[in-house]
Amino acid sequence: MTRVIHTGDTHIGYRQYHRPERREDFLDAFRQVIEDAIDQNVDAVVHAGDLFNDRRPGLLDLRGSIDILEDLRAAEIPFLAIVGNHEDARDGQWIDLFEQLGLATHLDNTGTVVGNTTFYGLDHVPRAKRATLEYDFEPPETEFSALVAHGLFEPFPHGDWDLEEILSRATVNFDGLLLGDDHTPNQIQVEGTWATYCGSTERTSASQREPRGYNLVTFDEDVSITRRDIGTRDFVFIDLELGPSEGDSLVRERIRETDVDDAVVIVTIEGAGDSIPPADIEAVGDSEGALVTRVNDRRDVDSESEMSVSFVDPDDAVTNRVRELGLSDAARSVESLIRDEDLAKSNIRNRVVETVTETLDDPSAFESATMESEPDTEPNDAEEPTETGETVTDETAEDPAEADGPTETTMGDFL
């Protein structure tokens, strides 16, 4: 029997809502998973991609992750991982460093044996490059075999990479598919093979209301998948349907009668009622002790054309608009650099030149894309899918003053 923890989409370094506390929360969630692995004495921890939120993680995030994985190594539990869409395959990346330190194994087509199971890895592959994949894996010598892969797979929601095709073309008959990229935990059978998403270990979007956690997968007489929750910062969802004469006084009252201490508070307003200034409502949440308060006003606003206004995260609106423009992979990379608050303005020109130069070997990277085409990540660079299609923007920036000075050491300095 082989028991493994299947986790992924930990997005360490994500400074959600521009709050350092949220950045710490993502590292703490990963720590809880590893502590559970040690307490339960599992045979391995399998990470399905996007360990970090940024392709160039900072020193604090690297150190924190290394400290956590050193505890796992001391318990003699292997850490098996693949590369997700937030990680940069063109440069040295975290998994190269961690392999050098003996903290991780990069799964590939040769397979890694743990107990009675061989684990294979399939890193995230942009849609434009999938047609050339051969799905050629070395034959296993164990009773079970499992593929760990990162992407949005059909027949799951939001899928654009066919699991049935992978299973039919693969040279190994897989007993389990351990997946990452979709932050919503889910599991189905595809051609008799269990396929499962572990979901993210922290909420990367206000649409993710279910508890966060990981999968415990057992390979014995069959493949069994059990869901385990972890403790994360409270998200308090206050949903209001306002009548025609109701307004901000009702919203204020509801916040005050709810325990919001140290929580992320998401106020969603529907129905009718008066105009409500989001900043005023956020101030009420702050006065009641909330870490963050965001207002999502879904009511229609009279204008030349009807529209729905959301104030939960303005960066989402920018990211979604960029997606609609149908930019090429190269253009999206440049656009993300320009919006990267961690990058000192004086370094933007050099990084843009470097990025374009690295991309010259791939002409397809300069081809324009439609909304259905493959972006650098799924469904957009620095975005993550949710069950409702909502996305989350990469907000790893520290204080602007820090971004302008050489205070942040990146993984490149280690390699």
Protein backbone atom coordinates (compact mmCIF):
# COMPACT_ATOMS: atom_id res chain seq x y z
CA MET A 1 0.00 0.00 0.00
CA THR A 2 1.18 3.51 -0.84
CA ARG A 3 -0.37 6.63 0.72
CA VAL A 4 0.48 10.09 -0.58
CA ILE A 5 -0.73 13.61 0.00
CA HIS A 6 -1.74 15.20 -3.28
CA THR A 7 -1.48 18.97 -3.06
CA GLY A 8 -0.84 21.87 -5.43
CA ASP A 9 -1.57 25.48 -6.29
CA THR A 10 -0.06 26.68 -3.04
CA HIS A 11 0.91 30.00 -4.70
CA ILE A 12 3.41 30.92 -2.01
CA GLY A 13 4.23 34.62 -2.23
CA TYR A 14 0.78 35.75 -3.35
CA ARG A 15 0.22 39.08 -1.62
CA GLN A 16 -3.54 39.00 -1.96
CA TYR A 17 -5.32 42.32 -1.50
CA HIS A 18 -1.80 43.81 -1.23
CA ARG A 19 -1.63 42.67 2.39
CA PRO A 20 1.56 41.11 3.82
CA GLU A 21 -0.61 39.05 6.18
CA ARG A 22 -2.15 37.30 3.21
CA ARG A 23 1.30 36.53 1.84
CA GLU A 24 2.13 34.85 5.15
CA ASP A 25 -1.17 32.94 5.01
CA PHE A 26 -0.19 31.17 1.78
CA LEU A 27 3.11 29.98 3.26
CA ASP A 28 1.33 28.90 6.44
CA ALA A 29 -1.16 26.82 4.44
CA PHE A 30 1.71 24.95 2.79
CA ARG A 31 3.28 24.44 6.22
CA GLN A 32 0.06 22.85 7.46
CA VAL A 33 0.04 20.38 4.57
CA ILE A 34 3.62 19.31 5.27
CA GLU A 35 2.97 19.05 9.01
CA ASP A 36 0.00 16.78 8.24
CA ALA A 37 2.20 14.68 5.98
CA ILE A 38 4.70 14.17 8.79
CA ASP A 39 2.01 13.50 11.42
CA GLN A 40 0.29 10.95 9.17
CA ASN A 41 3.61 9.43 8.08
CA VAL A 42 2.58 9.30 4.43
CA ASP A 43 4.88 7.76 1.85
CA ALA A 44 5.27 10.97 -0.20
CA VAL A 45 3.92 14.44 -0.83
CA VAL A 46 2.98 14.98 -4.48
CA HIS A 47 2.74 18.61 -5.61
CA ALA A 48 0.83 19.23 -8.85
CA GLY A 49 2.40 22.58 -9.77
CA ASP A 50 2.38 26.29 -8.88
CA LEU A 51 4.22 25.96 -5.60
CA PHE A 52 5.03 29.67 -5.94
CA ASN A 53 2.81 32.42 -7.28
CA ASP A 54 5.61 34.16 -9.13
CA ARG A 55 8.11 32.79 -11.61
CA ARG A 56 10.86 34.57 -9.65
CA PRO A 57 10.01 33.96 -5.98
CA GLY A 58 11.56 36.27 -3.42
CA LEU A 59 14.05 35.40 -0.71
CA LEU A 60 11.49 35.27 2.12
CA ASP A 61 9.29 32.84 0.21
CA LEU A 62 12.25 30.66 -0.78
CA ARG A 63 13.61 30.54 2.75
CA GLY A 64 10.21 29.77 4.22
CA SER A 65 9.59 26.94 1.76
CA ILE A 66 13.06 25.49 2.26
CA ASP A 67 12.59 25.48 6.05
CA ILE A 68 9.30 23.62 5.65
CA LEU A 69 10.70 21.06 3.20
CA GLU A 70 13.74 20.45 5.39
CA ASP A 71 11.33 19.18 8.05
CA LEU A 72 9.79 16.87 5.46
CA ARG A 73 13.23 15.59 4.42
CA ALA A 74 14.14 14.99 8.06
CA ALA A 75 11.05 12.77 8.29
CA GLU A 76 12.35 10.86 5.23
CA ILE A 77 9.26 11.69 3.19
CA PRO A 78 10.00 12.54 -0.47
CA PHE A 79 8.56 15.65 -2.10
CA LEU A 80 7.60 14.93 -5.72
CA ALA A 81 6.64 17.90 -7.88
CA ILE A 82 6.05 19.29 -11.36
CA VAL A 83 6.17 22.75 -12.89
CA GLY A 84 2.97 24.78 -13.18
CA ASN A 85 1.97 27.71 -15.35
CA HIS A 86 3.23 30.27 -12.82
CA GLU A 87 6.74 28.87 -13.05
CA ASP A 88 9.20 29.87 -15.77
CA ALA A 89 10.74 27.00 -17.70
CA ARG A 90 13.03 29.31 -19.66
CA ASP A 91 15.26 30.07 -16.67
CA GLY A 92 16.46 28.22 -13.63
CA GLN A 93 13.45 27.70 -11.39
CA TRP A 94 12.64 26.69 -7.85
CA ILE A 95 12.52 22.98 -8.60
CA ASP A 96 16.10 23.06 -9.94
CA LEU A 97 17.29 24.70 -6.74
CA PHE A 98 15.30 22.37 -4.51
CA GLU A 99 16.61 19.29 -6.34
CA GLN A 100 20.17 20.54 -5.83
CA LEU A 101 19.41 20.87 -2.12
CA GLY A 102 17.92 17.37 -1.99
CA LEU A 103 14.49 18.71 -1.08
CA ALA A 104 12.47 17.74 -4.15
CA THR A 105 12.24 15.38 -7.11
CA HIS A 106 11.08 16.75 -10.46
CA LEU A 107 8.69 14.15 -11.86
CA ASP A 108 9.07 13.37 -15.55
CA ASN A 109 8.41 10.62 -18.11
CA THR A 110 10.92 8.21 -16.55
CA GLY A 111 8.89 7.74 -13.38
CA THR A 112 9.74 7.78 -9.68
CA VAL A 113 8.90 4.72 -7.58
CA VAL A 114 7.33 5.09 -4.15
CA GLY A 115 6.18 1.81 -2.65
CA ASN A 116 3.88 0.00 -5.06
CA THR A 117 3.34 3.04 -7.32
CA THR A 118 5.35 4.78 -10.03
CA PHE A 119 4.69 8.51 -10.30
CA TYR A 120 5.19 10.31 -13.61
CA GLY A 121 5.11 14.05 -14.27
CA LEU A 122 3.74 16.24 -17.04
CA ASP A 123 4.61 19.91 -16.57
CA HIS A 124 2.23 22.58 -17.78
CA VAL A 125 2.40 22.89 -21.57
CA PRO A 126 0.93 25.86 -23.52
CA ARG A 127 -1.89 24.83 -25.83
CA ALA A 128 0.07 25.74 -28.95
CA LYS A 129 2.72 23.15 -28.10
CA ARG A 130 0.49 20.25 -27.06
CA ALA A 131 -0.02 18.88 -30.56
CA THR A 132 3.63 17.77 -30.68
CA LEU A 133 3.56 15.94 -27.34
CA GLU A 134 4.17 12.20 -27.64
CA TYR A 135 3.08 11.12 -24.13
CA ASP A 136 5.91 8.59 -24.15
CA PHE A 137 6.54 7.23 -20.64
CA GLU A 138 8.91 4.51 -19.55
CA PRO A 139 7.09 1.30 -18.52
CA PRO A 140 6.53 0.91 -14.77
CA GLU A 141 7.71 -2.03 -12.72
CA THR A 142 5.14 -1.46 -9.99
CA GLU A 143 1.55 -2.52 -9.50
CA PHE A 144 0.17 1.02 -9.83
CA SER A 145 1.12 4.08 -11.87
CA ALA A 146 -0.02 7.69 -11.55
CA LEU A 147 0.42 10.77 -13.70
CA VAL A 148 0.83 14.17 -12.05
CA ALA A 149 -0.10 16.98 -14.45
CA HIS A 150 -0.86 20.72 -14.43
CA GLY A 151 -3.51 22.23 -16.66
CA LEU A 152 -7.24 22.69 -17.19
CA PHE A 153 -8.40 19.29 -18.34
CA GLU A 154 -11.60 18.09 -19.98
CA PRO A 155 -14.09 16.81 -18.97
CA PHE A 156 -13.69 19.03 -15.86
CA PRO A 157 -15.18 22.56 -16.08
CA HIS A 158 -13.01 25.14 -17.90
CA GLY A 159 -11.09 22.29 -19.56
CA ASP A 160 -9.19 22.69 -22.81
CA TRP A 161 -6.80 19.70 -22.58
CA ASP A 162 -8.46 16.34 -23.19
CA LEU A 163 -7.73 13.70 -20.55
CA GLU A 164 -9.18 10.97 -22.75
CA GLU A 165 -6.64 11.82 -25.45
CA ILE A 166 -3.80 11.71 -22.92
CA LEU A 167 -4.93 8.32 -21.63
CA SER A 168 -5.35 6.89 -25.12
CA ARG A 169 -1.99 8.13 -26.39
CA ALA A 170 0.10 7.50 -23.26
CA THR A 171 2.40 4.48 -23.34
CA VAL A 172 1.48 3.70 -19.71
CA ASN A 173 -1.92 2.66 -18.41
CA PHE A 174 -2.37 5.07 -15.53
CA ASP A 175 -4.39 4.13 -12.48
CA GLY A 176 -4.69 7.71 -11.24
CA LEU A 177 -4.37 11.26 -12.55
CA LEU A 178 -3.33 13.79 -9.86
CA LEU A 179 -4.00 17.23 -11.26
CA GLY A 180 -3.29 20.88 -10.50
CA ASP A 181 -4.28 24.30 -11.91
CA ASP A 182 -8.02 24.40 -11.19
CA HIS A 183 -8.40 25.68 -7.63
CA THR A 184 -11.68 23.87 -7.10
CA PRO A 185 -11.27 20.33 -5.69
CA ASN A 186 -13.01 17.73 -7.81
CA GLN A 187 -12.76 14.13 -8.92
CA ILE A 188 -14.21 12.05 -11.73
CA GLN A 189 -13.53 8.82 -13.57
CA VAL A 190 -12.22 9.04 -17.14
CA GLU A 191 -12.14 5.79 -19.08
CA GLY A 192 -12.14 3.94 -15.76
CA THR A 193 -9.24 5.98 -14.35
CA TRP A 194 -9.68 8.27 -11.35
CA ALA A 195 -8.76 11.88 -12.05
CA THR A 196 -8.72 14.45 -9.27
CA TYR A 197 -7.93 18.08 -8.61
CA CYS A 198 -6.67 18.81 -5.10
CA GLY A 199 -7.68 22.49 -5.27
CA SER A 200 -5.67 25.37 -3.86
CA THR A 201 -4.45 25.43 -0.27
CA GLU A 202 -5.58 29.03 0.25
CA ARG A 203 -8.41 31.08 -1.23
CA THR A 204 -7.07 32.93 -4.25
CA SER A 205 -10.48 34.35 -5.10
CA ALA A 206 -13.58 35.55 -3.33
CA SER A 207 -15.57 32.95 -5.27
CA GLN A 208 -13.88 30.09 -3.40
CA ARG A 209 -16.18 29.60 -0.44
CA GLU A 210 -15.45 25.95 0.30
CA PRO A 211 -12.75 25.03 2.84
CA ARG A 212 -9.24 24.66 1.48
CA GLY A 213 -7.24 21.45 1.79
CA TYR A 214 -5.62 18.56 -0.05
CA ASN A 215 -6.24 14.97 -1.15
CA LEU A 216 -5.04 11.83 0.61
CA VAL A 217 -4.62 9.22 -2.14
CA THR A 218 -4.14 5.54 -1.36
CA PHE A 219 -2.94 2.93 -3.85
CA ASP A 220 -3.90 -0.48 -2.45
CA GLU A 221 -6.34 -2.91 -3.98
CA ASP A 222 -7.74 0.09 -5.83
CA VAL A 223 -7.20 3.86 -5.88
CA SER A 224 -9.05 5.74 -3.13
CA ILE A 225 -9.18 9.52 -2.71
CA THR A 226 -10.06 11.23 0.57
CA ARG A 227 -10.45 14.97 1.05
CA ARG A 228 -8.77 16.64 4.04
CA ASP A 229 -9.38 20.26 5.08
CA ILE A 230 -6.82 22.59 6.63
CA GLY A 231 -7.33 25.67 8.76
CA THR A 232 -6.95 28.92 6.84
CA ARG A 233 -7.83 32.53 7.55
CA ASP A 234 -11.58 33.07 7.82
CA PHE A 235 -13.38 34.50 4.81
CA VAL A 236 -16.70 35.97 5.93
CA PHE A 237 -19.26 36.26 3.15
CA ILE A 238 -22.06 38.75 3.72
CA ASP A 239 -24.69 38.44 0.98
CA LEU A 240 -27.43 41.07 0.83
CA GLU A 241 -30.50 41.39 -1.36
CA LEU A 242 -31.54 45.03 -0.95
CA GLY A 243 -35.05 46.31 -1.42
CA PRO A 244 -35.87 49.54 -3.32
CA SER A 245 -35.61 51.78 -0.24
CA GLU A 246 -32.66 50.05 1.44
CA GLY A 247 -29.09 51.26 1.38
CA ASP A 248 -25.79 51.46 3.21
CA SER A 249 -27.32 51.57 6.69
CA LEU A 250 -28.49 47.97 6.30
CA VAL A 251 -25.08 46.92 5.01
CA ARG A 252 -23.35 48.60 7.95
CA GLU A 253 -25.72 46.94 10.40
CA ARG A 254 -25.09 43.49 8.93
CA ILE A 255 -21.31 43.91 9.19
CA ARG A 256 -21.55 45.08 12.80
CA GLU A 257 -23.66 42.11 13.85
CA THR A 258 -21.25 39.63 12.22
CA ASP A 259 -17.97 38.39 13.73
CA VAL A 260 -15.41 39.73 11.25
CA ASP A 261 -12.39 39.97 13.54
CA ASP A 262 -9.14 39.37 11.60
CA ALA A 263 -11.12 37.98 8.65
CA VAL A 264 -11.34 38.76 4.97
CA VAL A 265 -14.86 40.13 4.55
CA ILE A 266 -16.60 39.92 1.18
CA VAL A 267 -19.83 41.92 0.97
CA THR A 268 -21.96 41.02 -2.04
CA ILE A 269 -24.90 43.30 -2.83
CA GLU A 270 -27.75 42.41 -5.16
CA GLY A 271 -31.28 43.61 -5.72
CA ALA A 272 -32.23 47.29 -5.77
CA GLY A 273 -31.68 50.04 -3.23
CA ASP A 274 -29.59 53.18 -2.99
CA SER A 275 -26.09 53.75 -4.27
CA ILE A 276 -23.48 52.55 -1.78
CA PRO A 277 -19.92 53.95 -1.69
CA PRO A 278 -17.63 50.88 -1.33
CA ALA A 279 -14.97 52.84 0.57
CA ASP A 280 -17.44 53.72 3.32
CA ILE A 281 -18.43 50.07 3.75
CA GLU A 282 -14.80 48.97 3.80
CA ALA A 283 -14.15 51.50 6.56
CA VAL A 284 -16.91 49.90 8.65
CA GLY A 285 -15.26 46.49 8.25
CA ASP A 286 -11.91 47.95 9.28
CA SER A 287 -13.44 49.51 12.40
CA GLU A 288 -14.91 46.13 13.36
CA GLY A 289 -11.48 44.47 13.17
CA ALA A 290 -11.54 42.88 9.72
CA LEU A 291 -8.20 42.31 8.01
CA VAL A 292 -9.69 43.19 4.62
CA THR A 293 -13.15 44.27 3.52
CA ARG A 294 -14.21 44.20 -0.13
CA VAL A 295 -17.54 45.16 -1.68
CA ASN A 296 -18.96 43.38 -4.70
CA ASP A 297 -21.95 45.38 -5.95
CA ARG A 298 -23.73 43.25 -8.54
CA ARG A 299 -26.66 45.57 -9.09
CA ASP A 300 -27.21 47.01 -12.52
CA VAL A 301 -26.27 50.65 -12.94
CA ASP A 302 -28.24 52.92 -15.26
CA SER A 303 -26.00 54.22 -18.02
CA GLU A 304 -25.84 54.22 -21.81
CA SER A 305 -25.40 50.48 -21.52
CA GLU A 306 -26.20 48.28 -18.55
CA MET A 307 -23.22 47.04 -16.63
CA SER A 308 -22.38 45.33 -13.36
CA VAL A 309 -19.77 46.99 -11.19
CA SER A 310 -17.48 45.02 -8.85
CA PHE A 311 -15.02 46.58 -6.46
CA VAL A 312 -13.62 43.31 -5.07
CA ASP A 313 -10.32 43.63 -6.95
CA PRO A 314 -9.68 46.34 -9.59
CA ASP A 315 -6.69 44.38 -10.92
CA ASP A 316 -9.07 41.65 -12.06
CA ALA A 317 -10.77 44.10 -14.41
CA VAL A 318 -7.44 45.03 -15.98
CA THR A 319 -6.39 41.41 -16.36
CA ASN A 320 -9.69 40.39 -17.92
CA ARG A 321 -9.49 43.28 -20.36
CA VAL A 322 -5.96 42.25 -21.37
CA ARG A 323 -7.27 38.75 -21.98
CA GLU A 324 -10.00 40.09 -24.28
CA LEU A 325 -7.42 41.91 -26.42
CA GLY A 326 -6.15 38.59 -27.80
CA LEU A 327 -2.49 39.48 -27.36
CA SER A 328 0.32 37.12 -28.34
CA ASP A 329 2.26 35.20 -25.70
CA ALA A 330 5.16 37.63 -26.11
CA ALA A 331 2.91 40.67 -25.74
CA ARG A 332 1.29 39.23 -22.62
CA SER A 333 4.72 38.63 -21.10
CA VAL A 334 5.72 42.24 -21.76
CA GLU A 335 2.41 43.52 -20.41
CA SER A 336 2.83 41.53 -17.19
CA LEU A 337 6.33 42.95 -16.72
CA ILE A 338 5.04 46.50 -17.04
CA ARG A 339 2.39 45.84 -14.39
CA ASP A 340 4.78 43.98 -12.07
CA GLU A 341 5.08 46.21 -9.00
CA ASP A 342 7.96 44.07 -7.71
CA LEU A 343 10.09 45.12 -10.67
CA ALA A 344 11.96 48.40 -10.28
CA LYS A 345 10.98 50.83 -13.02
CA SER A 346 14.62 51.30 -13.98
CA ASN A 347 14.86 47.58 -14.78
CA ILE A 348 11.76 47.29 -16.97
CA ARG A 349 13.55 48.07 -20.24
CA ASN A 350 16.23 45.42 -19.68
CA ARG A 351 13.69 42.80 -18.64
CA VAL A 352 11.52 43.50 -21.68
CA VAL A 353 14.53 43.15 -24.00
CA GLU A 354 15.53 39.94 -22.22
CA THR A 355 12.03 38.48 -22.47
CA VAL A 356 11.61 39.27 -26.16
CA THR A 357 15.09 37.92 -26.95
CA GLU A 358 14.35 34.65 -25.16
CA THR A 359 11.12 34.30 -27.12
CA LEU A 360 12.63 34.81 -30.59
CA ASP A 361 13.26 31.07 -30.95
CA ASP A 362 9.51 30.46 -30.78
CA PRO A 363 7.75 32.32 -33.64
CA SER A 364 4.34 31.16 -32.42
CA ALA A 365 4.83 33.31 -29.32
CA PHE A 366 4.33 36.41 -31.48
CA GLU A 367 1.07 35.21 -33.03
CA SER A 368 -2.05 36.99 -31.79
CA ALA A 369 -4.49 34.93 -29.77
CA THR A 370 -8.26 34.81 -29.51
CA MET A 371 -10.05 34.47 -26.19
CA GLU A 372 -10.17 30.71 -26.80
CA SER A 373 -6.45 30.42 -27.52
CA GLU A 374 -3.74 29.40 -25.12
CA PRO A 375 -2.31 32.12 -22.88
CA ASP A 376 0.86 31.74 -20.83
CA THR A 377 -1.29 30.49 -17.99
CA GLU A 378 -4.83 29.27 -17.63
CA PRO A 379 -6.93 31.26 -18.31
CA ASN A 380 -4.53 34.23 -18.24
CA ASP A 381 -1.03 34.94 -17.03
CA ALA A 382 -1.16 35.39 -13.26
CA GLU A 383 -4.80 34.30 -13.18
CA GLU A 384 -6.32 31.24 -11.59
CA PRO A 385 -9.65 29.58 -12.42
CA THR A 386 -12.51 29.18 -10.01
CA GLU A 387 -15.76 27.31 -10.16
CA THR A 388 -17.49 30.42 -11.47
CA GLY A 389 -14.83 31.42 -13.95
CA GLU A 390 -13.66 34.30 -11.75
CA THR A 391 -9.96 34.97 -11.93
CA VAL A 392 -7.31 36.21 -9.56
CA THR A 393 -4.54 38.57 -10.53
CA ASP A 394 -0.91 38.19 -9.49
CA GLU A 395 -0.52 40.69 -6.63
CA THR A 396 2.86 39.68 -5.27
CA ALA A 397 4.10 43.26 -5.02
CA GLU A 398 5.58 44.50 -1.81
CA ASP A 399 5.54 48.11 -0.73
CA PRO A 400 6.49 50.28 -3.75
CA ALA A 401 9.46 51.63 -1.85
CA GLU A 402 10.81 48.09 -1.60
CA ALA A 403 10.26 47.45 -5.29
CA ASP A 404 12.49 50.40 -6.20
CA GLY A 405 15.49 49.18 -4.23
CA PRO A 406 17.64 46.02 -4.28
CA THR A 407 16.01 44.62 -1.15
CA GLU A 408 14.47 41.47 -2.64
CA THR A 409 16.74 38.57 -3.56
CA THR A 410 15.23 36.21 -6.12
CA MET A 411 15.78 32.57 -6.97
CA GLY A 412 18.14 33.59 -9.74
CA ASP A 413 20.63 34.70 -7.09
CA PHE A 414 20.72 31.17 -5.71
CA LEU A 415 21.35 29.37 -9.02
